[in-house]
PDB file of N, CA and C in Angstrom:
ATOM      1  N   MET A   1       8.850  41.697  35.839  1.00  0.00           N
ATOM      2  CA  MET A   1       8.689  40.451  36.574  1.00  0.00           C
ATOM      3  C   MET A   1       9.932  39.587  36.503  1.00  0.00           C
ATOM      4  N   SER A   2      11.031  40.133  36.046  1.00  0.00           N
ATOM      5  CA  SER A   2      12.231  39.325  35.911  1.00  0.00           C
ATOM      6  C   SER A   2      13.430  40.058  36.493  1.00  0.00           C
ATOM      7  N   ASP A   3      13.802  39.681  37.694  1.00  0.00           N
ATOM      8  CA  ASP A   3      14.951  40.251  38.368  1.00  0.00           C
ATOM      9  C   ASP A   3      15.809  39.082  38.821  1.00  0.00           C
ATOM     10  N   SER A   4      17.050  39.038  38.354  1.00  0.00           N
ATOM     11  CA  SER A   4      17.897  37.878  38.627  1.00  0.00           C
ATOM     12  C   SER A   4      18.096  37.612  40.112  1.00  0.00           C
ATOM     13  N   GLY A   5      17.947  38.640  40.962  1.00  0.00           N
ATOM     14  CA  GLY A   5      18.098  38.438  42.391  1.00  0.00           C
ATOM     15  C   GLY A   5      16.799  38.149  43.104  1.00  0.00           C
ATOM     16  N   ALA A   6      15.709  38.104  42.370  1.00  0.00           N
ATOM     17  CA  ALA A   6      14.379  37.937  42.952  1.00  0.00           C
ATOM     18  C   ALA A   6      14.075  36.463  43.220  1.00  0.00           C
ATOM     19  N   TRP A   7      13.010  36.263  43.947  1.00  0.00           N
ATOM     20  CA  TRP A   7      12.460  34.932  44.194  1.00  0.00           C
ATOM     21  C   TRP A   7      12.182  34.263  42.846  1.00  0.00           C
ATOM     22  N   PRO A   8      12.565  32.986  42.641  1.00  0.00           N
ATOM     23  CA  PRO A   8      12.340  32.329  41.345  1.00  0.00           C
ATOM     24  C   PRO A   8      10.882  32.387  40.876  1.00  0.00           C
ATOM     25  N   GLY A   9       9.952  32.384  41.818  1.00  0.00           N
ATOM     26  CA  GLY A   9       8.539  32.446  41.463  1.00  0.00           C
ATOM     27  C   GLY A   9       8.112  33.794  40.909  1.00  0.00           C
ATOM     28  N   HIS A  10       9.021  34.766  40.936  1.00  0.00           N
ATOM     29  CA  HIS A  10       8.742  36.087  40.385  1.00  0.00           C
ATOM     30  C   HIS A  10       9.386  36.275  39.012  1.00  0.00           C
ATOM     31  N   ASP A  11      10.177  35.309  38.579  1.00  0.00           N
ATOM     32  CA  ASP A  11      10.888  35.393  37.309  1.00  0.00           C
ATOM     33  C   ASP A  11      10.053  34.681  36.238  1.00  0.00           C
ATOM     34  N   LEU A  12       9.513  35.450  35.318  1.00  0.00           N
ATOM     35  CA  LEU A  12       8.585  34.917  34.322  1.00  0.00           C
ATOM     36  C   LEU A  12       9.196  33.771  33.530  1.00  0.00           C
ATOM     37  N   ARG A  13      10.448  33.890  33.121  1.00  0.00           N
ATOM     38  CA  ARG A  13      11.066  32.808  32.339  1.00  0.00           C
ATOM     39  C   ARG A  13      11.223  31.535  33.159  1.00  0.00           C
ATOM     40  N   VAL A  14      11.557  31.667  34.407  1.00  0.00           N
ATOM     41  CA  VAL A  14      11.695  30.491  35.286  1.00  0.00           C
ATOM     42  C   VAL A  14      10.335  29.807  35.439  1.00  0.00           C
ATOM     43  N   VAL A  15       9.295  30.593  35.650  1.00  0.00           N
ATOM     44  CA  VAL A  15       7.954  30.035  35.855  1.00  0.00           C
ATOM     45  C   VAL A  15       7.432  29.403  34.565  1.00  0.00           C
ATOM     46  N   GLU A  16       7.641  30.058  33.427  1.00  0.00           N
ATOM     47  CA  GLU A  16       7.224  29.462  32.145  1.00  0.00           C
ATOM     48  C   GLU A  16       7.916  28.131  31.926  1.00  0.00           C
ATOM     49  N   SER A  17       9.194  28.085  32.195  1.00  0.00           N
ATOM     50  CA  SER A  17       9.961  26.854  32.032  1.00  0.00           C
ATOM     51  C   SER A  17       9.440  25.745  32.949  1.00  0.00           C
ATOM     52  N   ALA A  18       9.166  26.086  34.197  1.00  0.00           N
ATOM     53  CA  ALA A  18       8.650  25.097  35.150  1.00  0.00           C
ATOM     54  C   ALA A  18       7.279  24.584  34.718  1.00  0.00           C
ATOM     55  N   MET A  19       6.442  25.472  34.209  1.00  0.00           N
ATOM     56  CA  MET A  19       5.107  25.058  33.756  1.00  0.00           C
ATOM     57  C   MET A  19       5.202  24.147  32.550  1.00  0.00           C
ATOM     58  N   LEU A  20       6.053  24.497  31.635  1.00  0.00           N
ATOM     59  CA  LEU A  20       6.241  23.664  30.451  1.00  0.00           C
ATOM     60  C   LEU A  20       6.734  22.277  30.853  1.00  0.00           C
ATOM     61  N   GLU A  21       7.741  22.246  31.706  1.00  0.00           N
ATOM     62  CA  GLU A  21       8.289  20.976  32.170  1.00  0.00           C
ATOM     63  C   GLU A  21       7.220  20.132  32.865  1.00  0.00           C
ATOM     64  N   MET A  22       6.434  20.760  33.731  1.00  0.00           N
ATOM     65  CA  MET A  22       5.400  20.031  34.446  1.00  0.00           C
ATOM     66  C   MET A  22       4.341  19.486  33.484  1.00  0.00           C
ATOM     67  N   ALA A  23       3.897  20.304  32.549  1.00  0.00           N
ATOM     68  CA  ALA A  23       2.860  19.882  31.606  1.00  0.00           C
ATOM     69  C   ALA A  23       3.342  18.713  30.751  1.00  0.00           C
ATOM     70  N   VAL A  24       4.592  18.749  30.325  1.00  0.00           N
ATOM     71  CA  VAL A  24       5.147  17.658  29.514  1.00  0.00           C
ATOM     72  C   VAL A  24       5.269  16.396  30.363  1.00  0.00           C
ATOM     73  N   GLU A  25       5.734  16.533  31.594  1.00  0.00           N
ATOM     74  CA  GLU A  25       5.867  15.374  32.481  1.00  0.00           C
ATOM     75  C   GLU A  25       4.519  14.744  32.800  1.00  0.00           C
ATOM     76  N   LEU A  26       3.489  15.557  32.953  1.00  0.00           N
ATOM     77  CA  LEU A  26       2.158  15.046  33.292  1.00  0.00           C
ATOM     78  C   LEU A  26       1.432  14.438  32.087  1.00  0.00           C
ATOM     79  N   HIS A  27       1.846  14.814  30.885  1.00  0.00           N
ATOM     80  CA  HIS A  27       1.156  14.338  29.682  1.00  0.00           C
ATOM     81  C   HIS A  27       1.106  12.817  29.672  1.00  0.00           C
ATOM     82  N   PRO A  28      -0.033  12.188  29.423  1.00  0.00           N
ATOM     83  CA  PRO A  28      -1.258  12.705  28.818  1.00  0.00           C
ATOM     84  C   PRO A  28      -2.293  13.252  29.800  1.00  0.00           C
ATOM     85  N   THR A  29      -1.948  13.349  31.081  1.00  0.00           N
ATOM     86  CA  THR A  29      -2.859  13.990  32.023  1.00  0.00           C
ATOM     87  C   THR A  29      -2.835  15.489  31.773  1.00  0.00           C
ATOM     88  N   HIS A  30      -3.997  16.122  31.777  1.00  0.00           N
ATOM     89  CA  HIS A  30      -4.083  17.555  31.531  1.00  0.00           C
ATOM     90  C   HIS A  30      -4.682  18.248  32.741  1.00  0.00           C
ATOM     91  N   LEU A  31      -4.260  19.488  32.939  1.00  0.00           N
ATOM     92  CA  LEU A  31      -4.760  20.302  34.049  1.00  0.00           C
ATOM     93  C   LEU A  31      -5.404  21.561  33.500  1.00  0.00           C
ATOM     94  N   SER A  32      -6.299  22.120  34.275  1.00  0.00           N
ATOM     95  CA  SER A  32      -6.820  23.448  33.947  1.00  0.00           C
ATOM     96  C   SER A  32      -5.723  24.458  34.256  1.00  0.00           C
ATOM     97  N   ALA A  33      -5.900  25.675  33.782  1.00  0.00           N
ATOM     98  CA  ALA A  33      -4.944  26.734  34.103  1.00  0.00           C
ATOM     99  C   ALA A  33      -4.837  26.894  35.619  1.00  0.00           C
ATOM    100  N   GLU A  34      -5.974  26.846  36.293  1.00  0.00           N
ATOM    101  CA  GLU A  34      -5.970  26.986  37.757  1.00  0.00           C
ATOM    102  C   GLU A  34      -5.257  25.812  38.425  1.00  0.00           C
ATOM    103  N   GLY A  35      -5.460  24.601  37.920  1.00  0.00           N
ATOM    104  CA  GLY A  35      -4.789  23.436  38.463  1.00  0.00           C
ATOM    105  C   GLY A  35      -3.282  23.506  38.281  1.00  0.00           C
ATOM    106  N   LEU A  36      -2.862  23.969  37.115  1.00  0.00           N
ATOM    107  CA  LEU A  36      -1.435  24.132  36.858  1.00  0.00           C
ATOM    108  C   LEU A  36      -0.859  25.213  37.765  1.00  0.00           C
ATOM    109  N   LEU A  37      -1.584  26.290  37.917  1.00  0.00           N
ATOM    110  CA  LEU A  37      -1.160  27.381  38.789  1.00  0.00           C
ATOM    111  C   LEU A  37      -0.977  26.874  40.220  1.00  0.00           C
ATOM    112  N   GLN A  38      -1.908  26.079  40.698  1.00  0.00           N
ATOM    113  CA  GLN A  38      -1.835  25.562  42.075  1.00  0.00           C
ATOM    114  C   GLN A  38      -0.629  24.659  42.272  1.00  0.00           C
ATOM    115  N   ARG A  39      -0.220  23.945  41.228  1.00  0.00           N
ATOM    116  CA  ARG A  39       0.950  23.069  41.340  1.00  0.00           C
ATOM    117  C   ARG A  39       2.259  23.847  41.305  1.00  0.00           C
ATOM    118  N   ILE A  40       2.250  25.011  40.667  1.00  0.00           N
ATOM    119  CA  ILE A  40       3.477  25.788  40.481  1.00  0.00           C
ATOM    120  C   ILE A  40       3.713  26.783  41.612  1.00  0.00           C
ATOM    121  N   VAL A  41       2.664  27.464  42.057  1.00  0.00           N
ATOM    122  CA  VAL A  41       2.816  28.521  43.061  1.00  0.00           C
ATOM    123  C   VAL A  41       3.162  27.902  44.412  1.00  0.00           C
ATOM    124  N   SER A  42       4.275  28.340  44.969  1.00  0.00           N
ATOM    125  CA  SER A  42       4.702  27.778  46.254  1.00  0.00           C
ATOM    126  C   SER A  42       4.289  28.646  47.434  1.00  0.00           C
ATOM    127  N   LYS A  43       4.098  29.934  47.194  1.00  0.00           N
ATOM    128  CA  LYS A  43       3.706  30.858  48.264  1.00  0.00           C
ATOM    129  C   LYS A  43       2.330  31.422  47.923  1.00  0.00           C
ATOM    130  N   ARG A  44       1.296  30.761  48.393  1.00  0.00           N
ATOM    131  CA  ARG A  44      -0.085  31.120  48.049  1.00  0.00           C
ATOM    132  C   ARG A  44      -0.456  32.569  48.405  1.00  0.00           C
ATOM    133  N   ALA A  45       0.219  33.140  49.388  1.00  0.00           N
ATOM    134  CA  ALA A  45      -0.097  34.501  49.798  1.00  0.00           C
ATOM    135  C   ALA A  45       0.712  35.541  49.019  1.00  0.00           C
ATOM    136  N   ASP A  46       1.544  35.091  48.091  1.00  0.00           N
ATOM    137  CA  ASP A  46       2.411  35.989  47.331  1.00  0.00           C
ATOM    138  C   ASP A  46       1.711  36.403  46.039  1.00  0.00           C
ATOM    139  N   ALA A  47       1.122  37.588  46.049  1.00  0.00           N
ATOM    140  CA  ALA A  47       0.360  38.068  44.893  1.00  0.00           C
ATOM    141  C   ALA A  47       1.220  38.166  43.641  1.00  0.00           C
ATOM    142  N   LEU A  48       2.487  38.550  43.780  1.00  0.00           N
ATOM    143  CA  LEU A  48       3.360  38.666  42.613  1.00  0.00           C
ATOM    144  C   LEU A  48       3.658  37.300  42.018  1.00  0.00           C
ATOM    145  N   GLU A  49       3.841  36.286  42.864  1.00  0.00           N
ATOM    146  CA  GLU A  49       4.084  34.935  42.353  1.00  0.00           C
ATOM    147  C   GLU A  49       2.848  34.424  41.611  1.00  0.00           C
ATOM    148  N   ILE A  50       1.680  34.676  42.141  1.00  0.00           N
ATOM    149  CA  ILE A  50       0.439  34.250  41.481  1.00  0.00           C
ATOM    150  C   ILE A  50       0.278  34.970  40.150  1.00  0.00           C
ATOM    151  N   GLU A  51       0.515  36.270  40.123  1.00  0.00           N
ATOM    152  CA  GLU A  51       0.390  37.031  38.876  1.00  0.00           C
ATOM    153  C   GLU A  51       1.417  36.575  37.847  1.00  0.00           C
ATOM    154  N   THR A  52       2.629  36.277  38.299  1.00  0.00           N
ATOM    155  CA  THR A  52       3.660  35.783  37.390  1.00  0.00           C
ATOM    156  C   THR A  52       3.236  34.445  36.792  1.00  0.00           C
ATOM    157  N   ALA A  53       2.661  33.572  37.601  1.00  0.00           N
ATOM    158  CA  ALA A  53       2.192  32.273  37.105  1.00  0.00           C
ATOM    159  C   ALA A  53       1.051  32.452  36.102  1.00  0.00           C
ATOM    160  N   ARG A  54       0.132  33.346  36.381  1.00  0.00           N
ATOM    161  CA  ARG A  54      -0.973  33.605  35.438  1.00  0.00           C
ATOM    162  C   ARG A  54      -0.435  34.142  34.106  1.00  0.00           C
ATOM    163  N   GLN A  55       0.541  35.044  34.185  1.00  0.00           N
ATOM    164  CA  GLN A  55       1.135  35.594  32.967  1.00  0.00           C
ATOM    165  C   GLN A  55       1.884  34.512  32.191  1.00  0.00           C
ATOM    166  N   ALA A  56       2.568  33.632  32.902  1.00  0.00           N
ATOM    167  CA  ALA A  56       3.286  32.532  32.252  1.00  0.00           C
ATOM    168  C   ALA A  56       2.318  31.633  31.486  1.00  0.00           C
ATOM    169  N   ILE A  57       1.188  31.304  32.090  1.00  0.00           N
ATOM    170  CA  ILE A  57       0.183  30.474  31.422  1.00  0.00           C
ATOM    171  C   ILE A  57      -0.323  31.186  30.178  1.00  0.00           C
ATOM    172  N   ALA A  58      -0.632  32.467  30.303  1.00  0.00           N
ATOM    173  CA  ALA A  58      -1.117  33.234  29.152  1.00  0.00           C
ATOM    174  C   ALA A  58      -0.067  33.263  28.041  1.00  0.00           C
ATOM    175  N   ASN A  59       1.181  33.480  28.388  1.00  0.00           N
ATOM    176  CA  ASN A  59       2.251  33.511  27.392  1.00  0.00           C
ATOM    177  C   ASN A  59       2.391  32.171  26.676  1.00  0.00           C
ATOM    178  N   LEU A  60       2.325  31.084  27.435  1.00  0.00           N
ATOM    179  CA  LEU A  60       2.469  29.762  26.829  1.00  0.00           C
ATOM    180  C   LEU A  60       1.291  29.432  25.920  1.00  0.00           C
ATOM    181  N   ARG A  61       0.106  29.870  26.278  1.00  0.00           N
ATOM    182  CA  ARG A  61      -1.061  29.705  25.402  1.00  0.00           C
ATOM    183  C   ARG A  61      -0.892  30.520  24.125  1.00  0.00           C
ATOM    184  N   GLU A  62      -0.562  31.794  24.303  1.00  0.00           N
ATOM    185  CA  GLU A  62      -0.445  32.706  23.160  1.00  0.00           C
ATOM    186  C   GLU A  62       0.649  32.284  22.187  1.00  0.00           C
ATOM    187  N   SER A  63       1.716  31.684  22.693  1.00  0.00           N
ATOM    188  CA  SER A  63       2.819  31.280  21.819  1.00  0.00           C
ATOM    189  C   SER A  63       2.604  29.910  21.190  1.00  0.00           C
ATOM    190  N   GLY A  64       1.501  29.255  21.517  1.00  0.00           N
ATOM    191  CA  GLY A  64       1.188  27.968  20.912  1.00  0.00           C
ATOM    192  C   GLY A  64       1.813  26.774  21.599  1.00  0.00           C
ATOM    193  N   VAL A  65       2.371  26.975  22.779  1.00  0.00           N
ATOM    194  CA  VAL A  65       2.960  25.874  23.539  1.00  0.00           C
ATOM    195  C   VAL A  65       1.868  25.006  24.147  1.00  0.00           C
ATOM    196  N   PHE A  66       0.799  25.652  24.609  1.00  0.00           N
ATOM    197  CA  PHE A  66      -0.358  24.956  25.175  1.00  0.00           C
ATOM    198  C   PHE A  66      -1.566  25.162  24.273  1.00  0.00           C
ATOM    199  N   HIS A  67      -2.385  24.140  24.208  1.00  0.00           N
ATOM    200  CA  HIS A  67      -3.699  24.238  23.576  1.00  0.00           C
ATOM    201  C   HIS A  67      -4.720  24.145  24.702  1.00  0.00           C
ATOM    202  N   GLU A  68      -5.712  25.022  24.685  1.00  0.00           N
ATOM    203  CA  GLU A  68      -6.756  24.961  25.700  1.00  0.00           C
ATOM    204  C   GLU A  68      -8.005  24.338  25.094  1.00  0.00           C
ATOM    205  N   HIS A  69      -8.462  23.259  25.701  1.00  0.00           N
ATOM    206  CA  HIS A  69      -9.669  22.563  25.249  1.00  0.00           C
ATOM    207  C   HIS A  69     -10.916  23.325  25.689  1.00  0.00           C
ATOM    208  N   ASP A  70     -12.048  22.974  25.097  1.00  0.00           N
ATOM    209  CA  ASP A  70     -13.315  23.620  25.444  1.00  0.00           C
ATOM    210  C   ASP A  70     -13.647  23.479  26.927  1.00  0.00           C
ATOM    211  N   ASP A  71     -13.180  22.397  27.547  1.00  0.00           N
ATOM    212  CA  ASP A  71     -13.460  22.178  28.972  1.00  0.00           C
ATOM    213  C   ASP A  71     -12.466  22.907  29.886  1.00  0.00           C
ATOM    214  N   GLY A  72     -11.564  23.696  29.282  1.00  0.00           N
ATOM    215  CA  GLY A  72     -10.626  24.488  30.073  1.00  0.00           C
ATOM    216  C   GLY A  72      -9.320  23.799  30.403  1.00  0.00           C
ATOM    217  N   LEU A  73      -9.176  22.540  29.987  1.00  0.00           N
ATOM    218  CA  LEU A  73      -7.926  21.836  30.268  1.00  0.00           C
ATOM    219  C   LEU A  73      -6.852  22.260  29.279  1.00  0.00           C
ATOM    220  N   LEU A  74      -5.637  22.390  29.788  1.00  0.00           N
ATOM    221  CA  LEU A  74      -4.493  22.757  28.956  1.00  0.00           C
ATOM    222  C   LEU A  74      -3.725  21.506  28.574  1.00  0.00           C
ATOM    223  N   GLU A  75      -3.273  21.476  27.339  1.00  0.00           N
ATOM    224  CA  GLU A  75      -2.498  20.342  26.845  1.00  0.00           C
ATOM    225  C   GLU A  75      -1.300  20.879  26.070  1.00  0.00           C
ATOM    226  N   PRO A  76      -0.111  20.310  26.294  1.00  0.00           N
ATOM    227  CA  PRO A  76       1.010  20.706  25.456  1.00  0.00           C
ATOM    228  C   PRO A  76       0.698  20.315  24.009  1.00  0.00           C
ATOM    229  N   THR A  77       1.007  21.196  23.071  1.00  0.00           N
ATOM    230  CA  THR A  77       0.735  20.884  21.666  1.00  0.00           C
ATOM    231  C   THR A  77       1.687  19.794  21.179  1.00  0.00           C
ATOM    232  N   ARG A  78       1.338  19.196  20.080  1.00  0.00           N
ATOM    233  CA  ARG A  78       2.173  18.134  19.509  1.00  0.00           C
ATOM    234  C   ARG A  78       3.603  18.626  19.236  1.00  0.00           C
ATOM    235  N   PRO A  79       3.774  19.816  18.611  1.00  0.00           N
ATOM    236  CA  PRO A  79       5.150  20.305  18.424  1.00  0.00           C
ATOM    237  C   PRO A  79       5.894  20.532  19.748  1.00  0.00           C
ATOM    238  N   THR A  80       5.172  20.949  20.778  1.00  0.00           N
ATOM    239  CA  THR A  80       5.789  21.139  22.092  1.00  0.00           C
ATOM    240  C   THR A  80       6.296  19.811  22.628  1.00  0.00           C
ATOM    241  N   LEU A  81       5.472  18.773  22.535  1.00  0.00           N
ATOM    242  CA  LEU A  81       5.872  17.453  23.029  1.00  0.00           C
ATOM    243  C   LEU A  81       7.053  16.905  22.236  1.00  0.00           C
ATOM    244  N   ARG A  82       7.021  17.103  20.937  1.00  0.00           N
ATOM    245  CA  ARG A  82       8.110  16.629  20.068  1.00  0.00           C
ATOM    246  C   ARG A  82       9.414  17.336  20.434  1.00  0.00           C
ATOM    247  N   THR A  83       9.353  18.645  20.584  1.00  0.00           N
ATOM    248  CA  THR A  83      10.547  19.421  20.933  1.00  0.00           C
ATOM    249  C   THR A  83      11.085  19.011  22.298  1.00  0.00           C
ATOM    250  N   ALA A  84      10.183  18.861  23.261  1.00  0.00           N
ATOM    251  CA  ALA A  84      10.609  18.430  24.599  1.00  0.00           C
ATOM    252  C   ALA A  84      11.259  17.052  24.525  1.00  0.00           C
ATOM    253  N   GLY A  85      10.710  16.169  23.713  1.00  0.00           N
ATOM    254  CA  GLY A  85      11.281  14.843  23.548  1.00  0.00           C
ATOM    255  C   GLY A  85      12.678  14.895  22.943  1.00  0.00           C
ATOM    256  N   LEU A  86      12.865  15.763  21.973  1.00  0.00           N
ATOM    257  CA  LEU A  86      14.192  15.908  21.375  1.00  0.00           C
ATOM    258  C   LEU A  86      15.195  16.461  22.361  1.00  0.00           C
ATOM    259  N   LEU A  87      14.762  17.417  23.178  1.00  0.00           N
ATOM    260  CA  LEU A  87      15.662  18.031  24.140  1.00  0.00           C
ATOM    261  C   LEU A  87      16.025  17.125  25.308  1.00  0.00           C
ATOM    262  N   THR A  88      15.112  16.237  25.659  1.00  0.00           N
ATOM    263  CA  THR A  88      15.348  15.378  26.815  1.00  0.00           C
ATOM    264  C   THR A  88      15.744  13.960  26.431  1.00  0.00           C
ATOM    265  N   GLY A  89      15.637  13.633  25.162  1.00  0.00           N
ATOM    266  CA  GLY A  89      15.951  12.279  24.718  1.00  0.00           C
ATOM    267  C   GLY A  89      14.793  11.322  24.869  1.00  0.00           C
ATOM    268  N   ALA A  90      13.636  11.817  25.312  1.00  0.00           N
ATOM    269  CA  ALA A  90      12.439  10.979  25.484  1.00  0.00           C
ATOM    270  C   ALA A  90      11.602  11.071  24.217  1.00  0.00           C
ATOM    271  N   LEU A  91      11.998  10.372  23.183  1.00  0.00           N
ATOM    272  CA  LEU A  91      11.345  10.515  21.885  1.00  0.00           C
ATOM    273  C   LEU A  91      10.064   9.733  21.760  1.00  0.00           C
ATOM    274  N   GLY A  92       9.564   9.177  22.833  1.00  0.00           N
ATOM    275  CA  GLY A  92       8.280   8.483  22.799  1.00  0.00           C
ATOM    276  C   GLY A  92       7.103   9.433  22.801  1.00  0.00           C
ATOM    277  N   CYS A  93       7.355  10.732  22.847  1.00  0.00           N
ATOM    278  CA  CYS A  93       6.298  11.749  22.892  1.00  0.00           C
ATOM    279  C   CYS A  93       5.583  11.839  21.569  1.00  0.00           C
TER     280      CYS A  93
END
């Protein structure tokens, strides 16, 4: 799913990065995995882009970047917010 000449929506690292950035920017608002997917996927008819986005969400959950609440909403974890704040200079996280 990662070809440097491919559509950015097919590059797993690009999609993971975009999802992380979006989730941090939206915080404290939280989205479901499906809601996040809908905000990220630009070509709804592109099955590979959708699959890449689903894999990105799964990877971010598995690596501890996102916490999934019982109601299905995803939230960036506290360490994720802290790290993002350090990287962007927004230390109010």
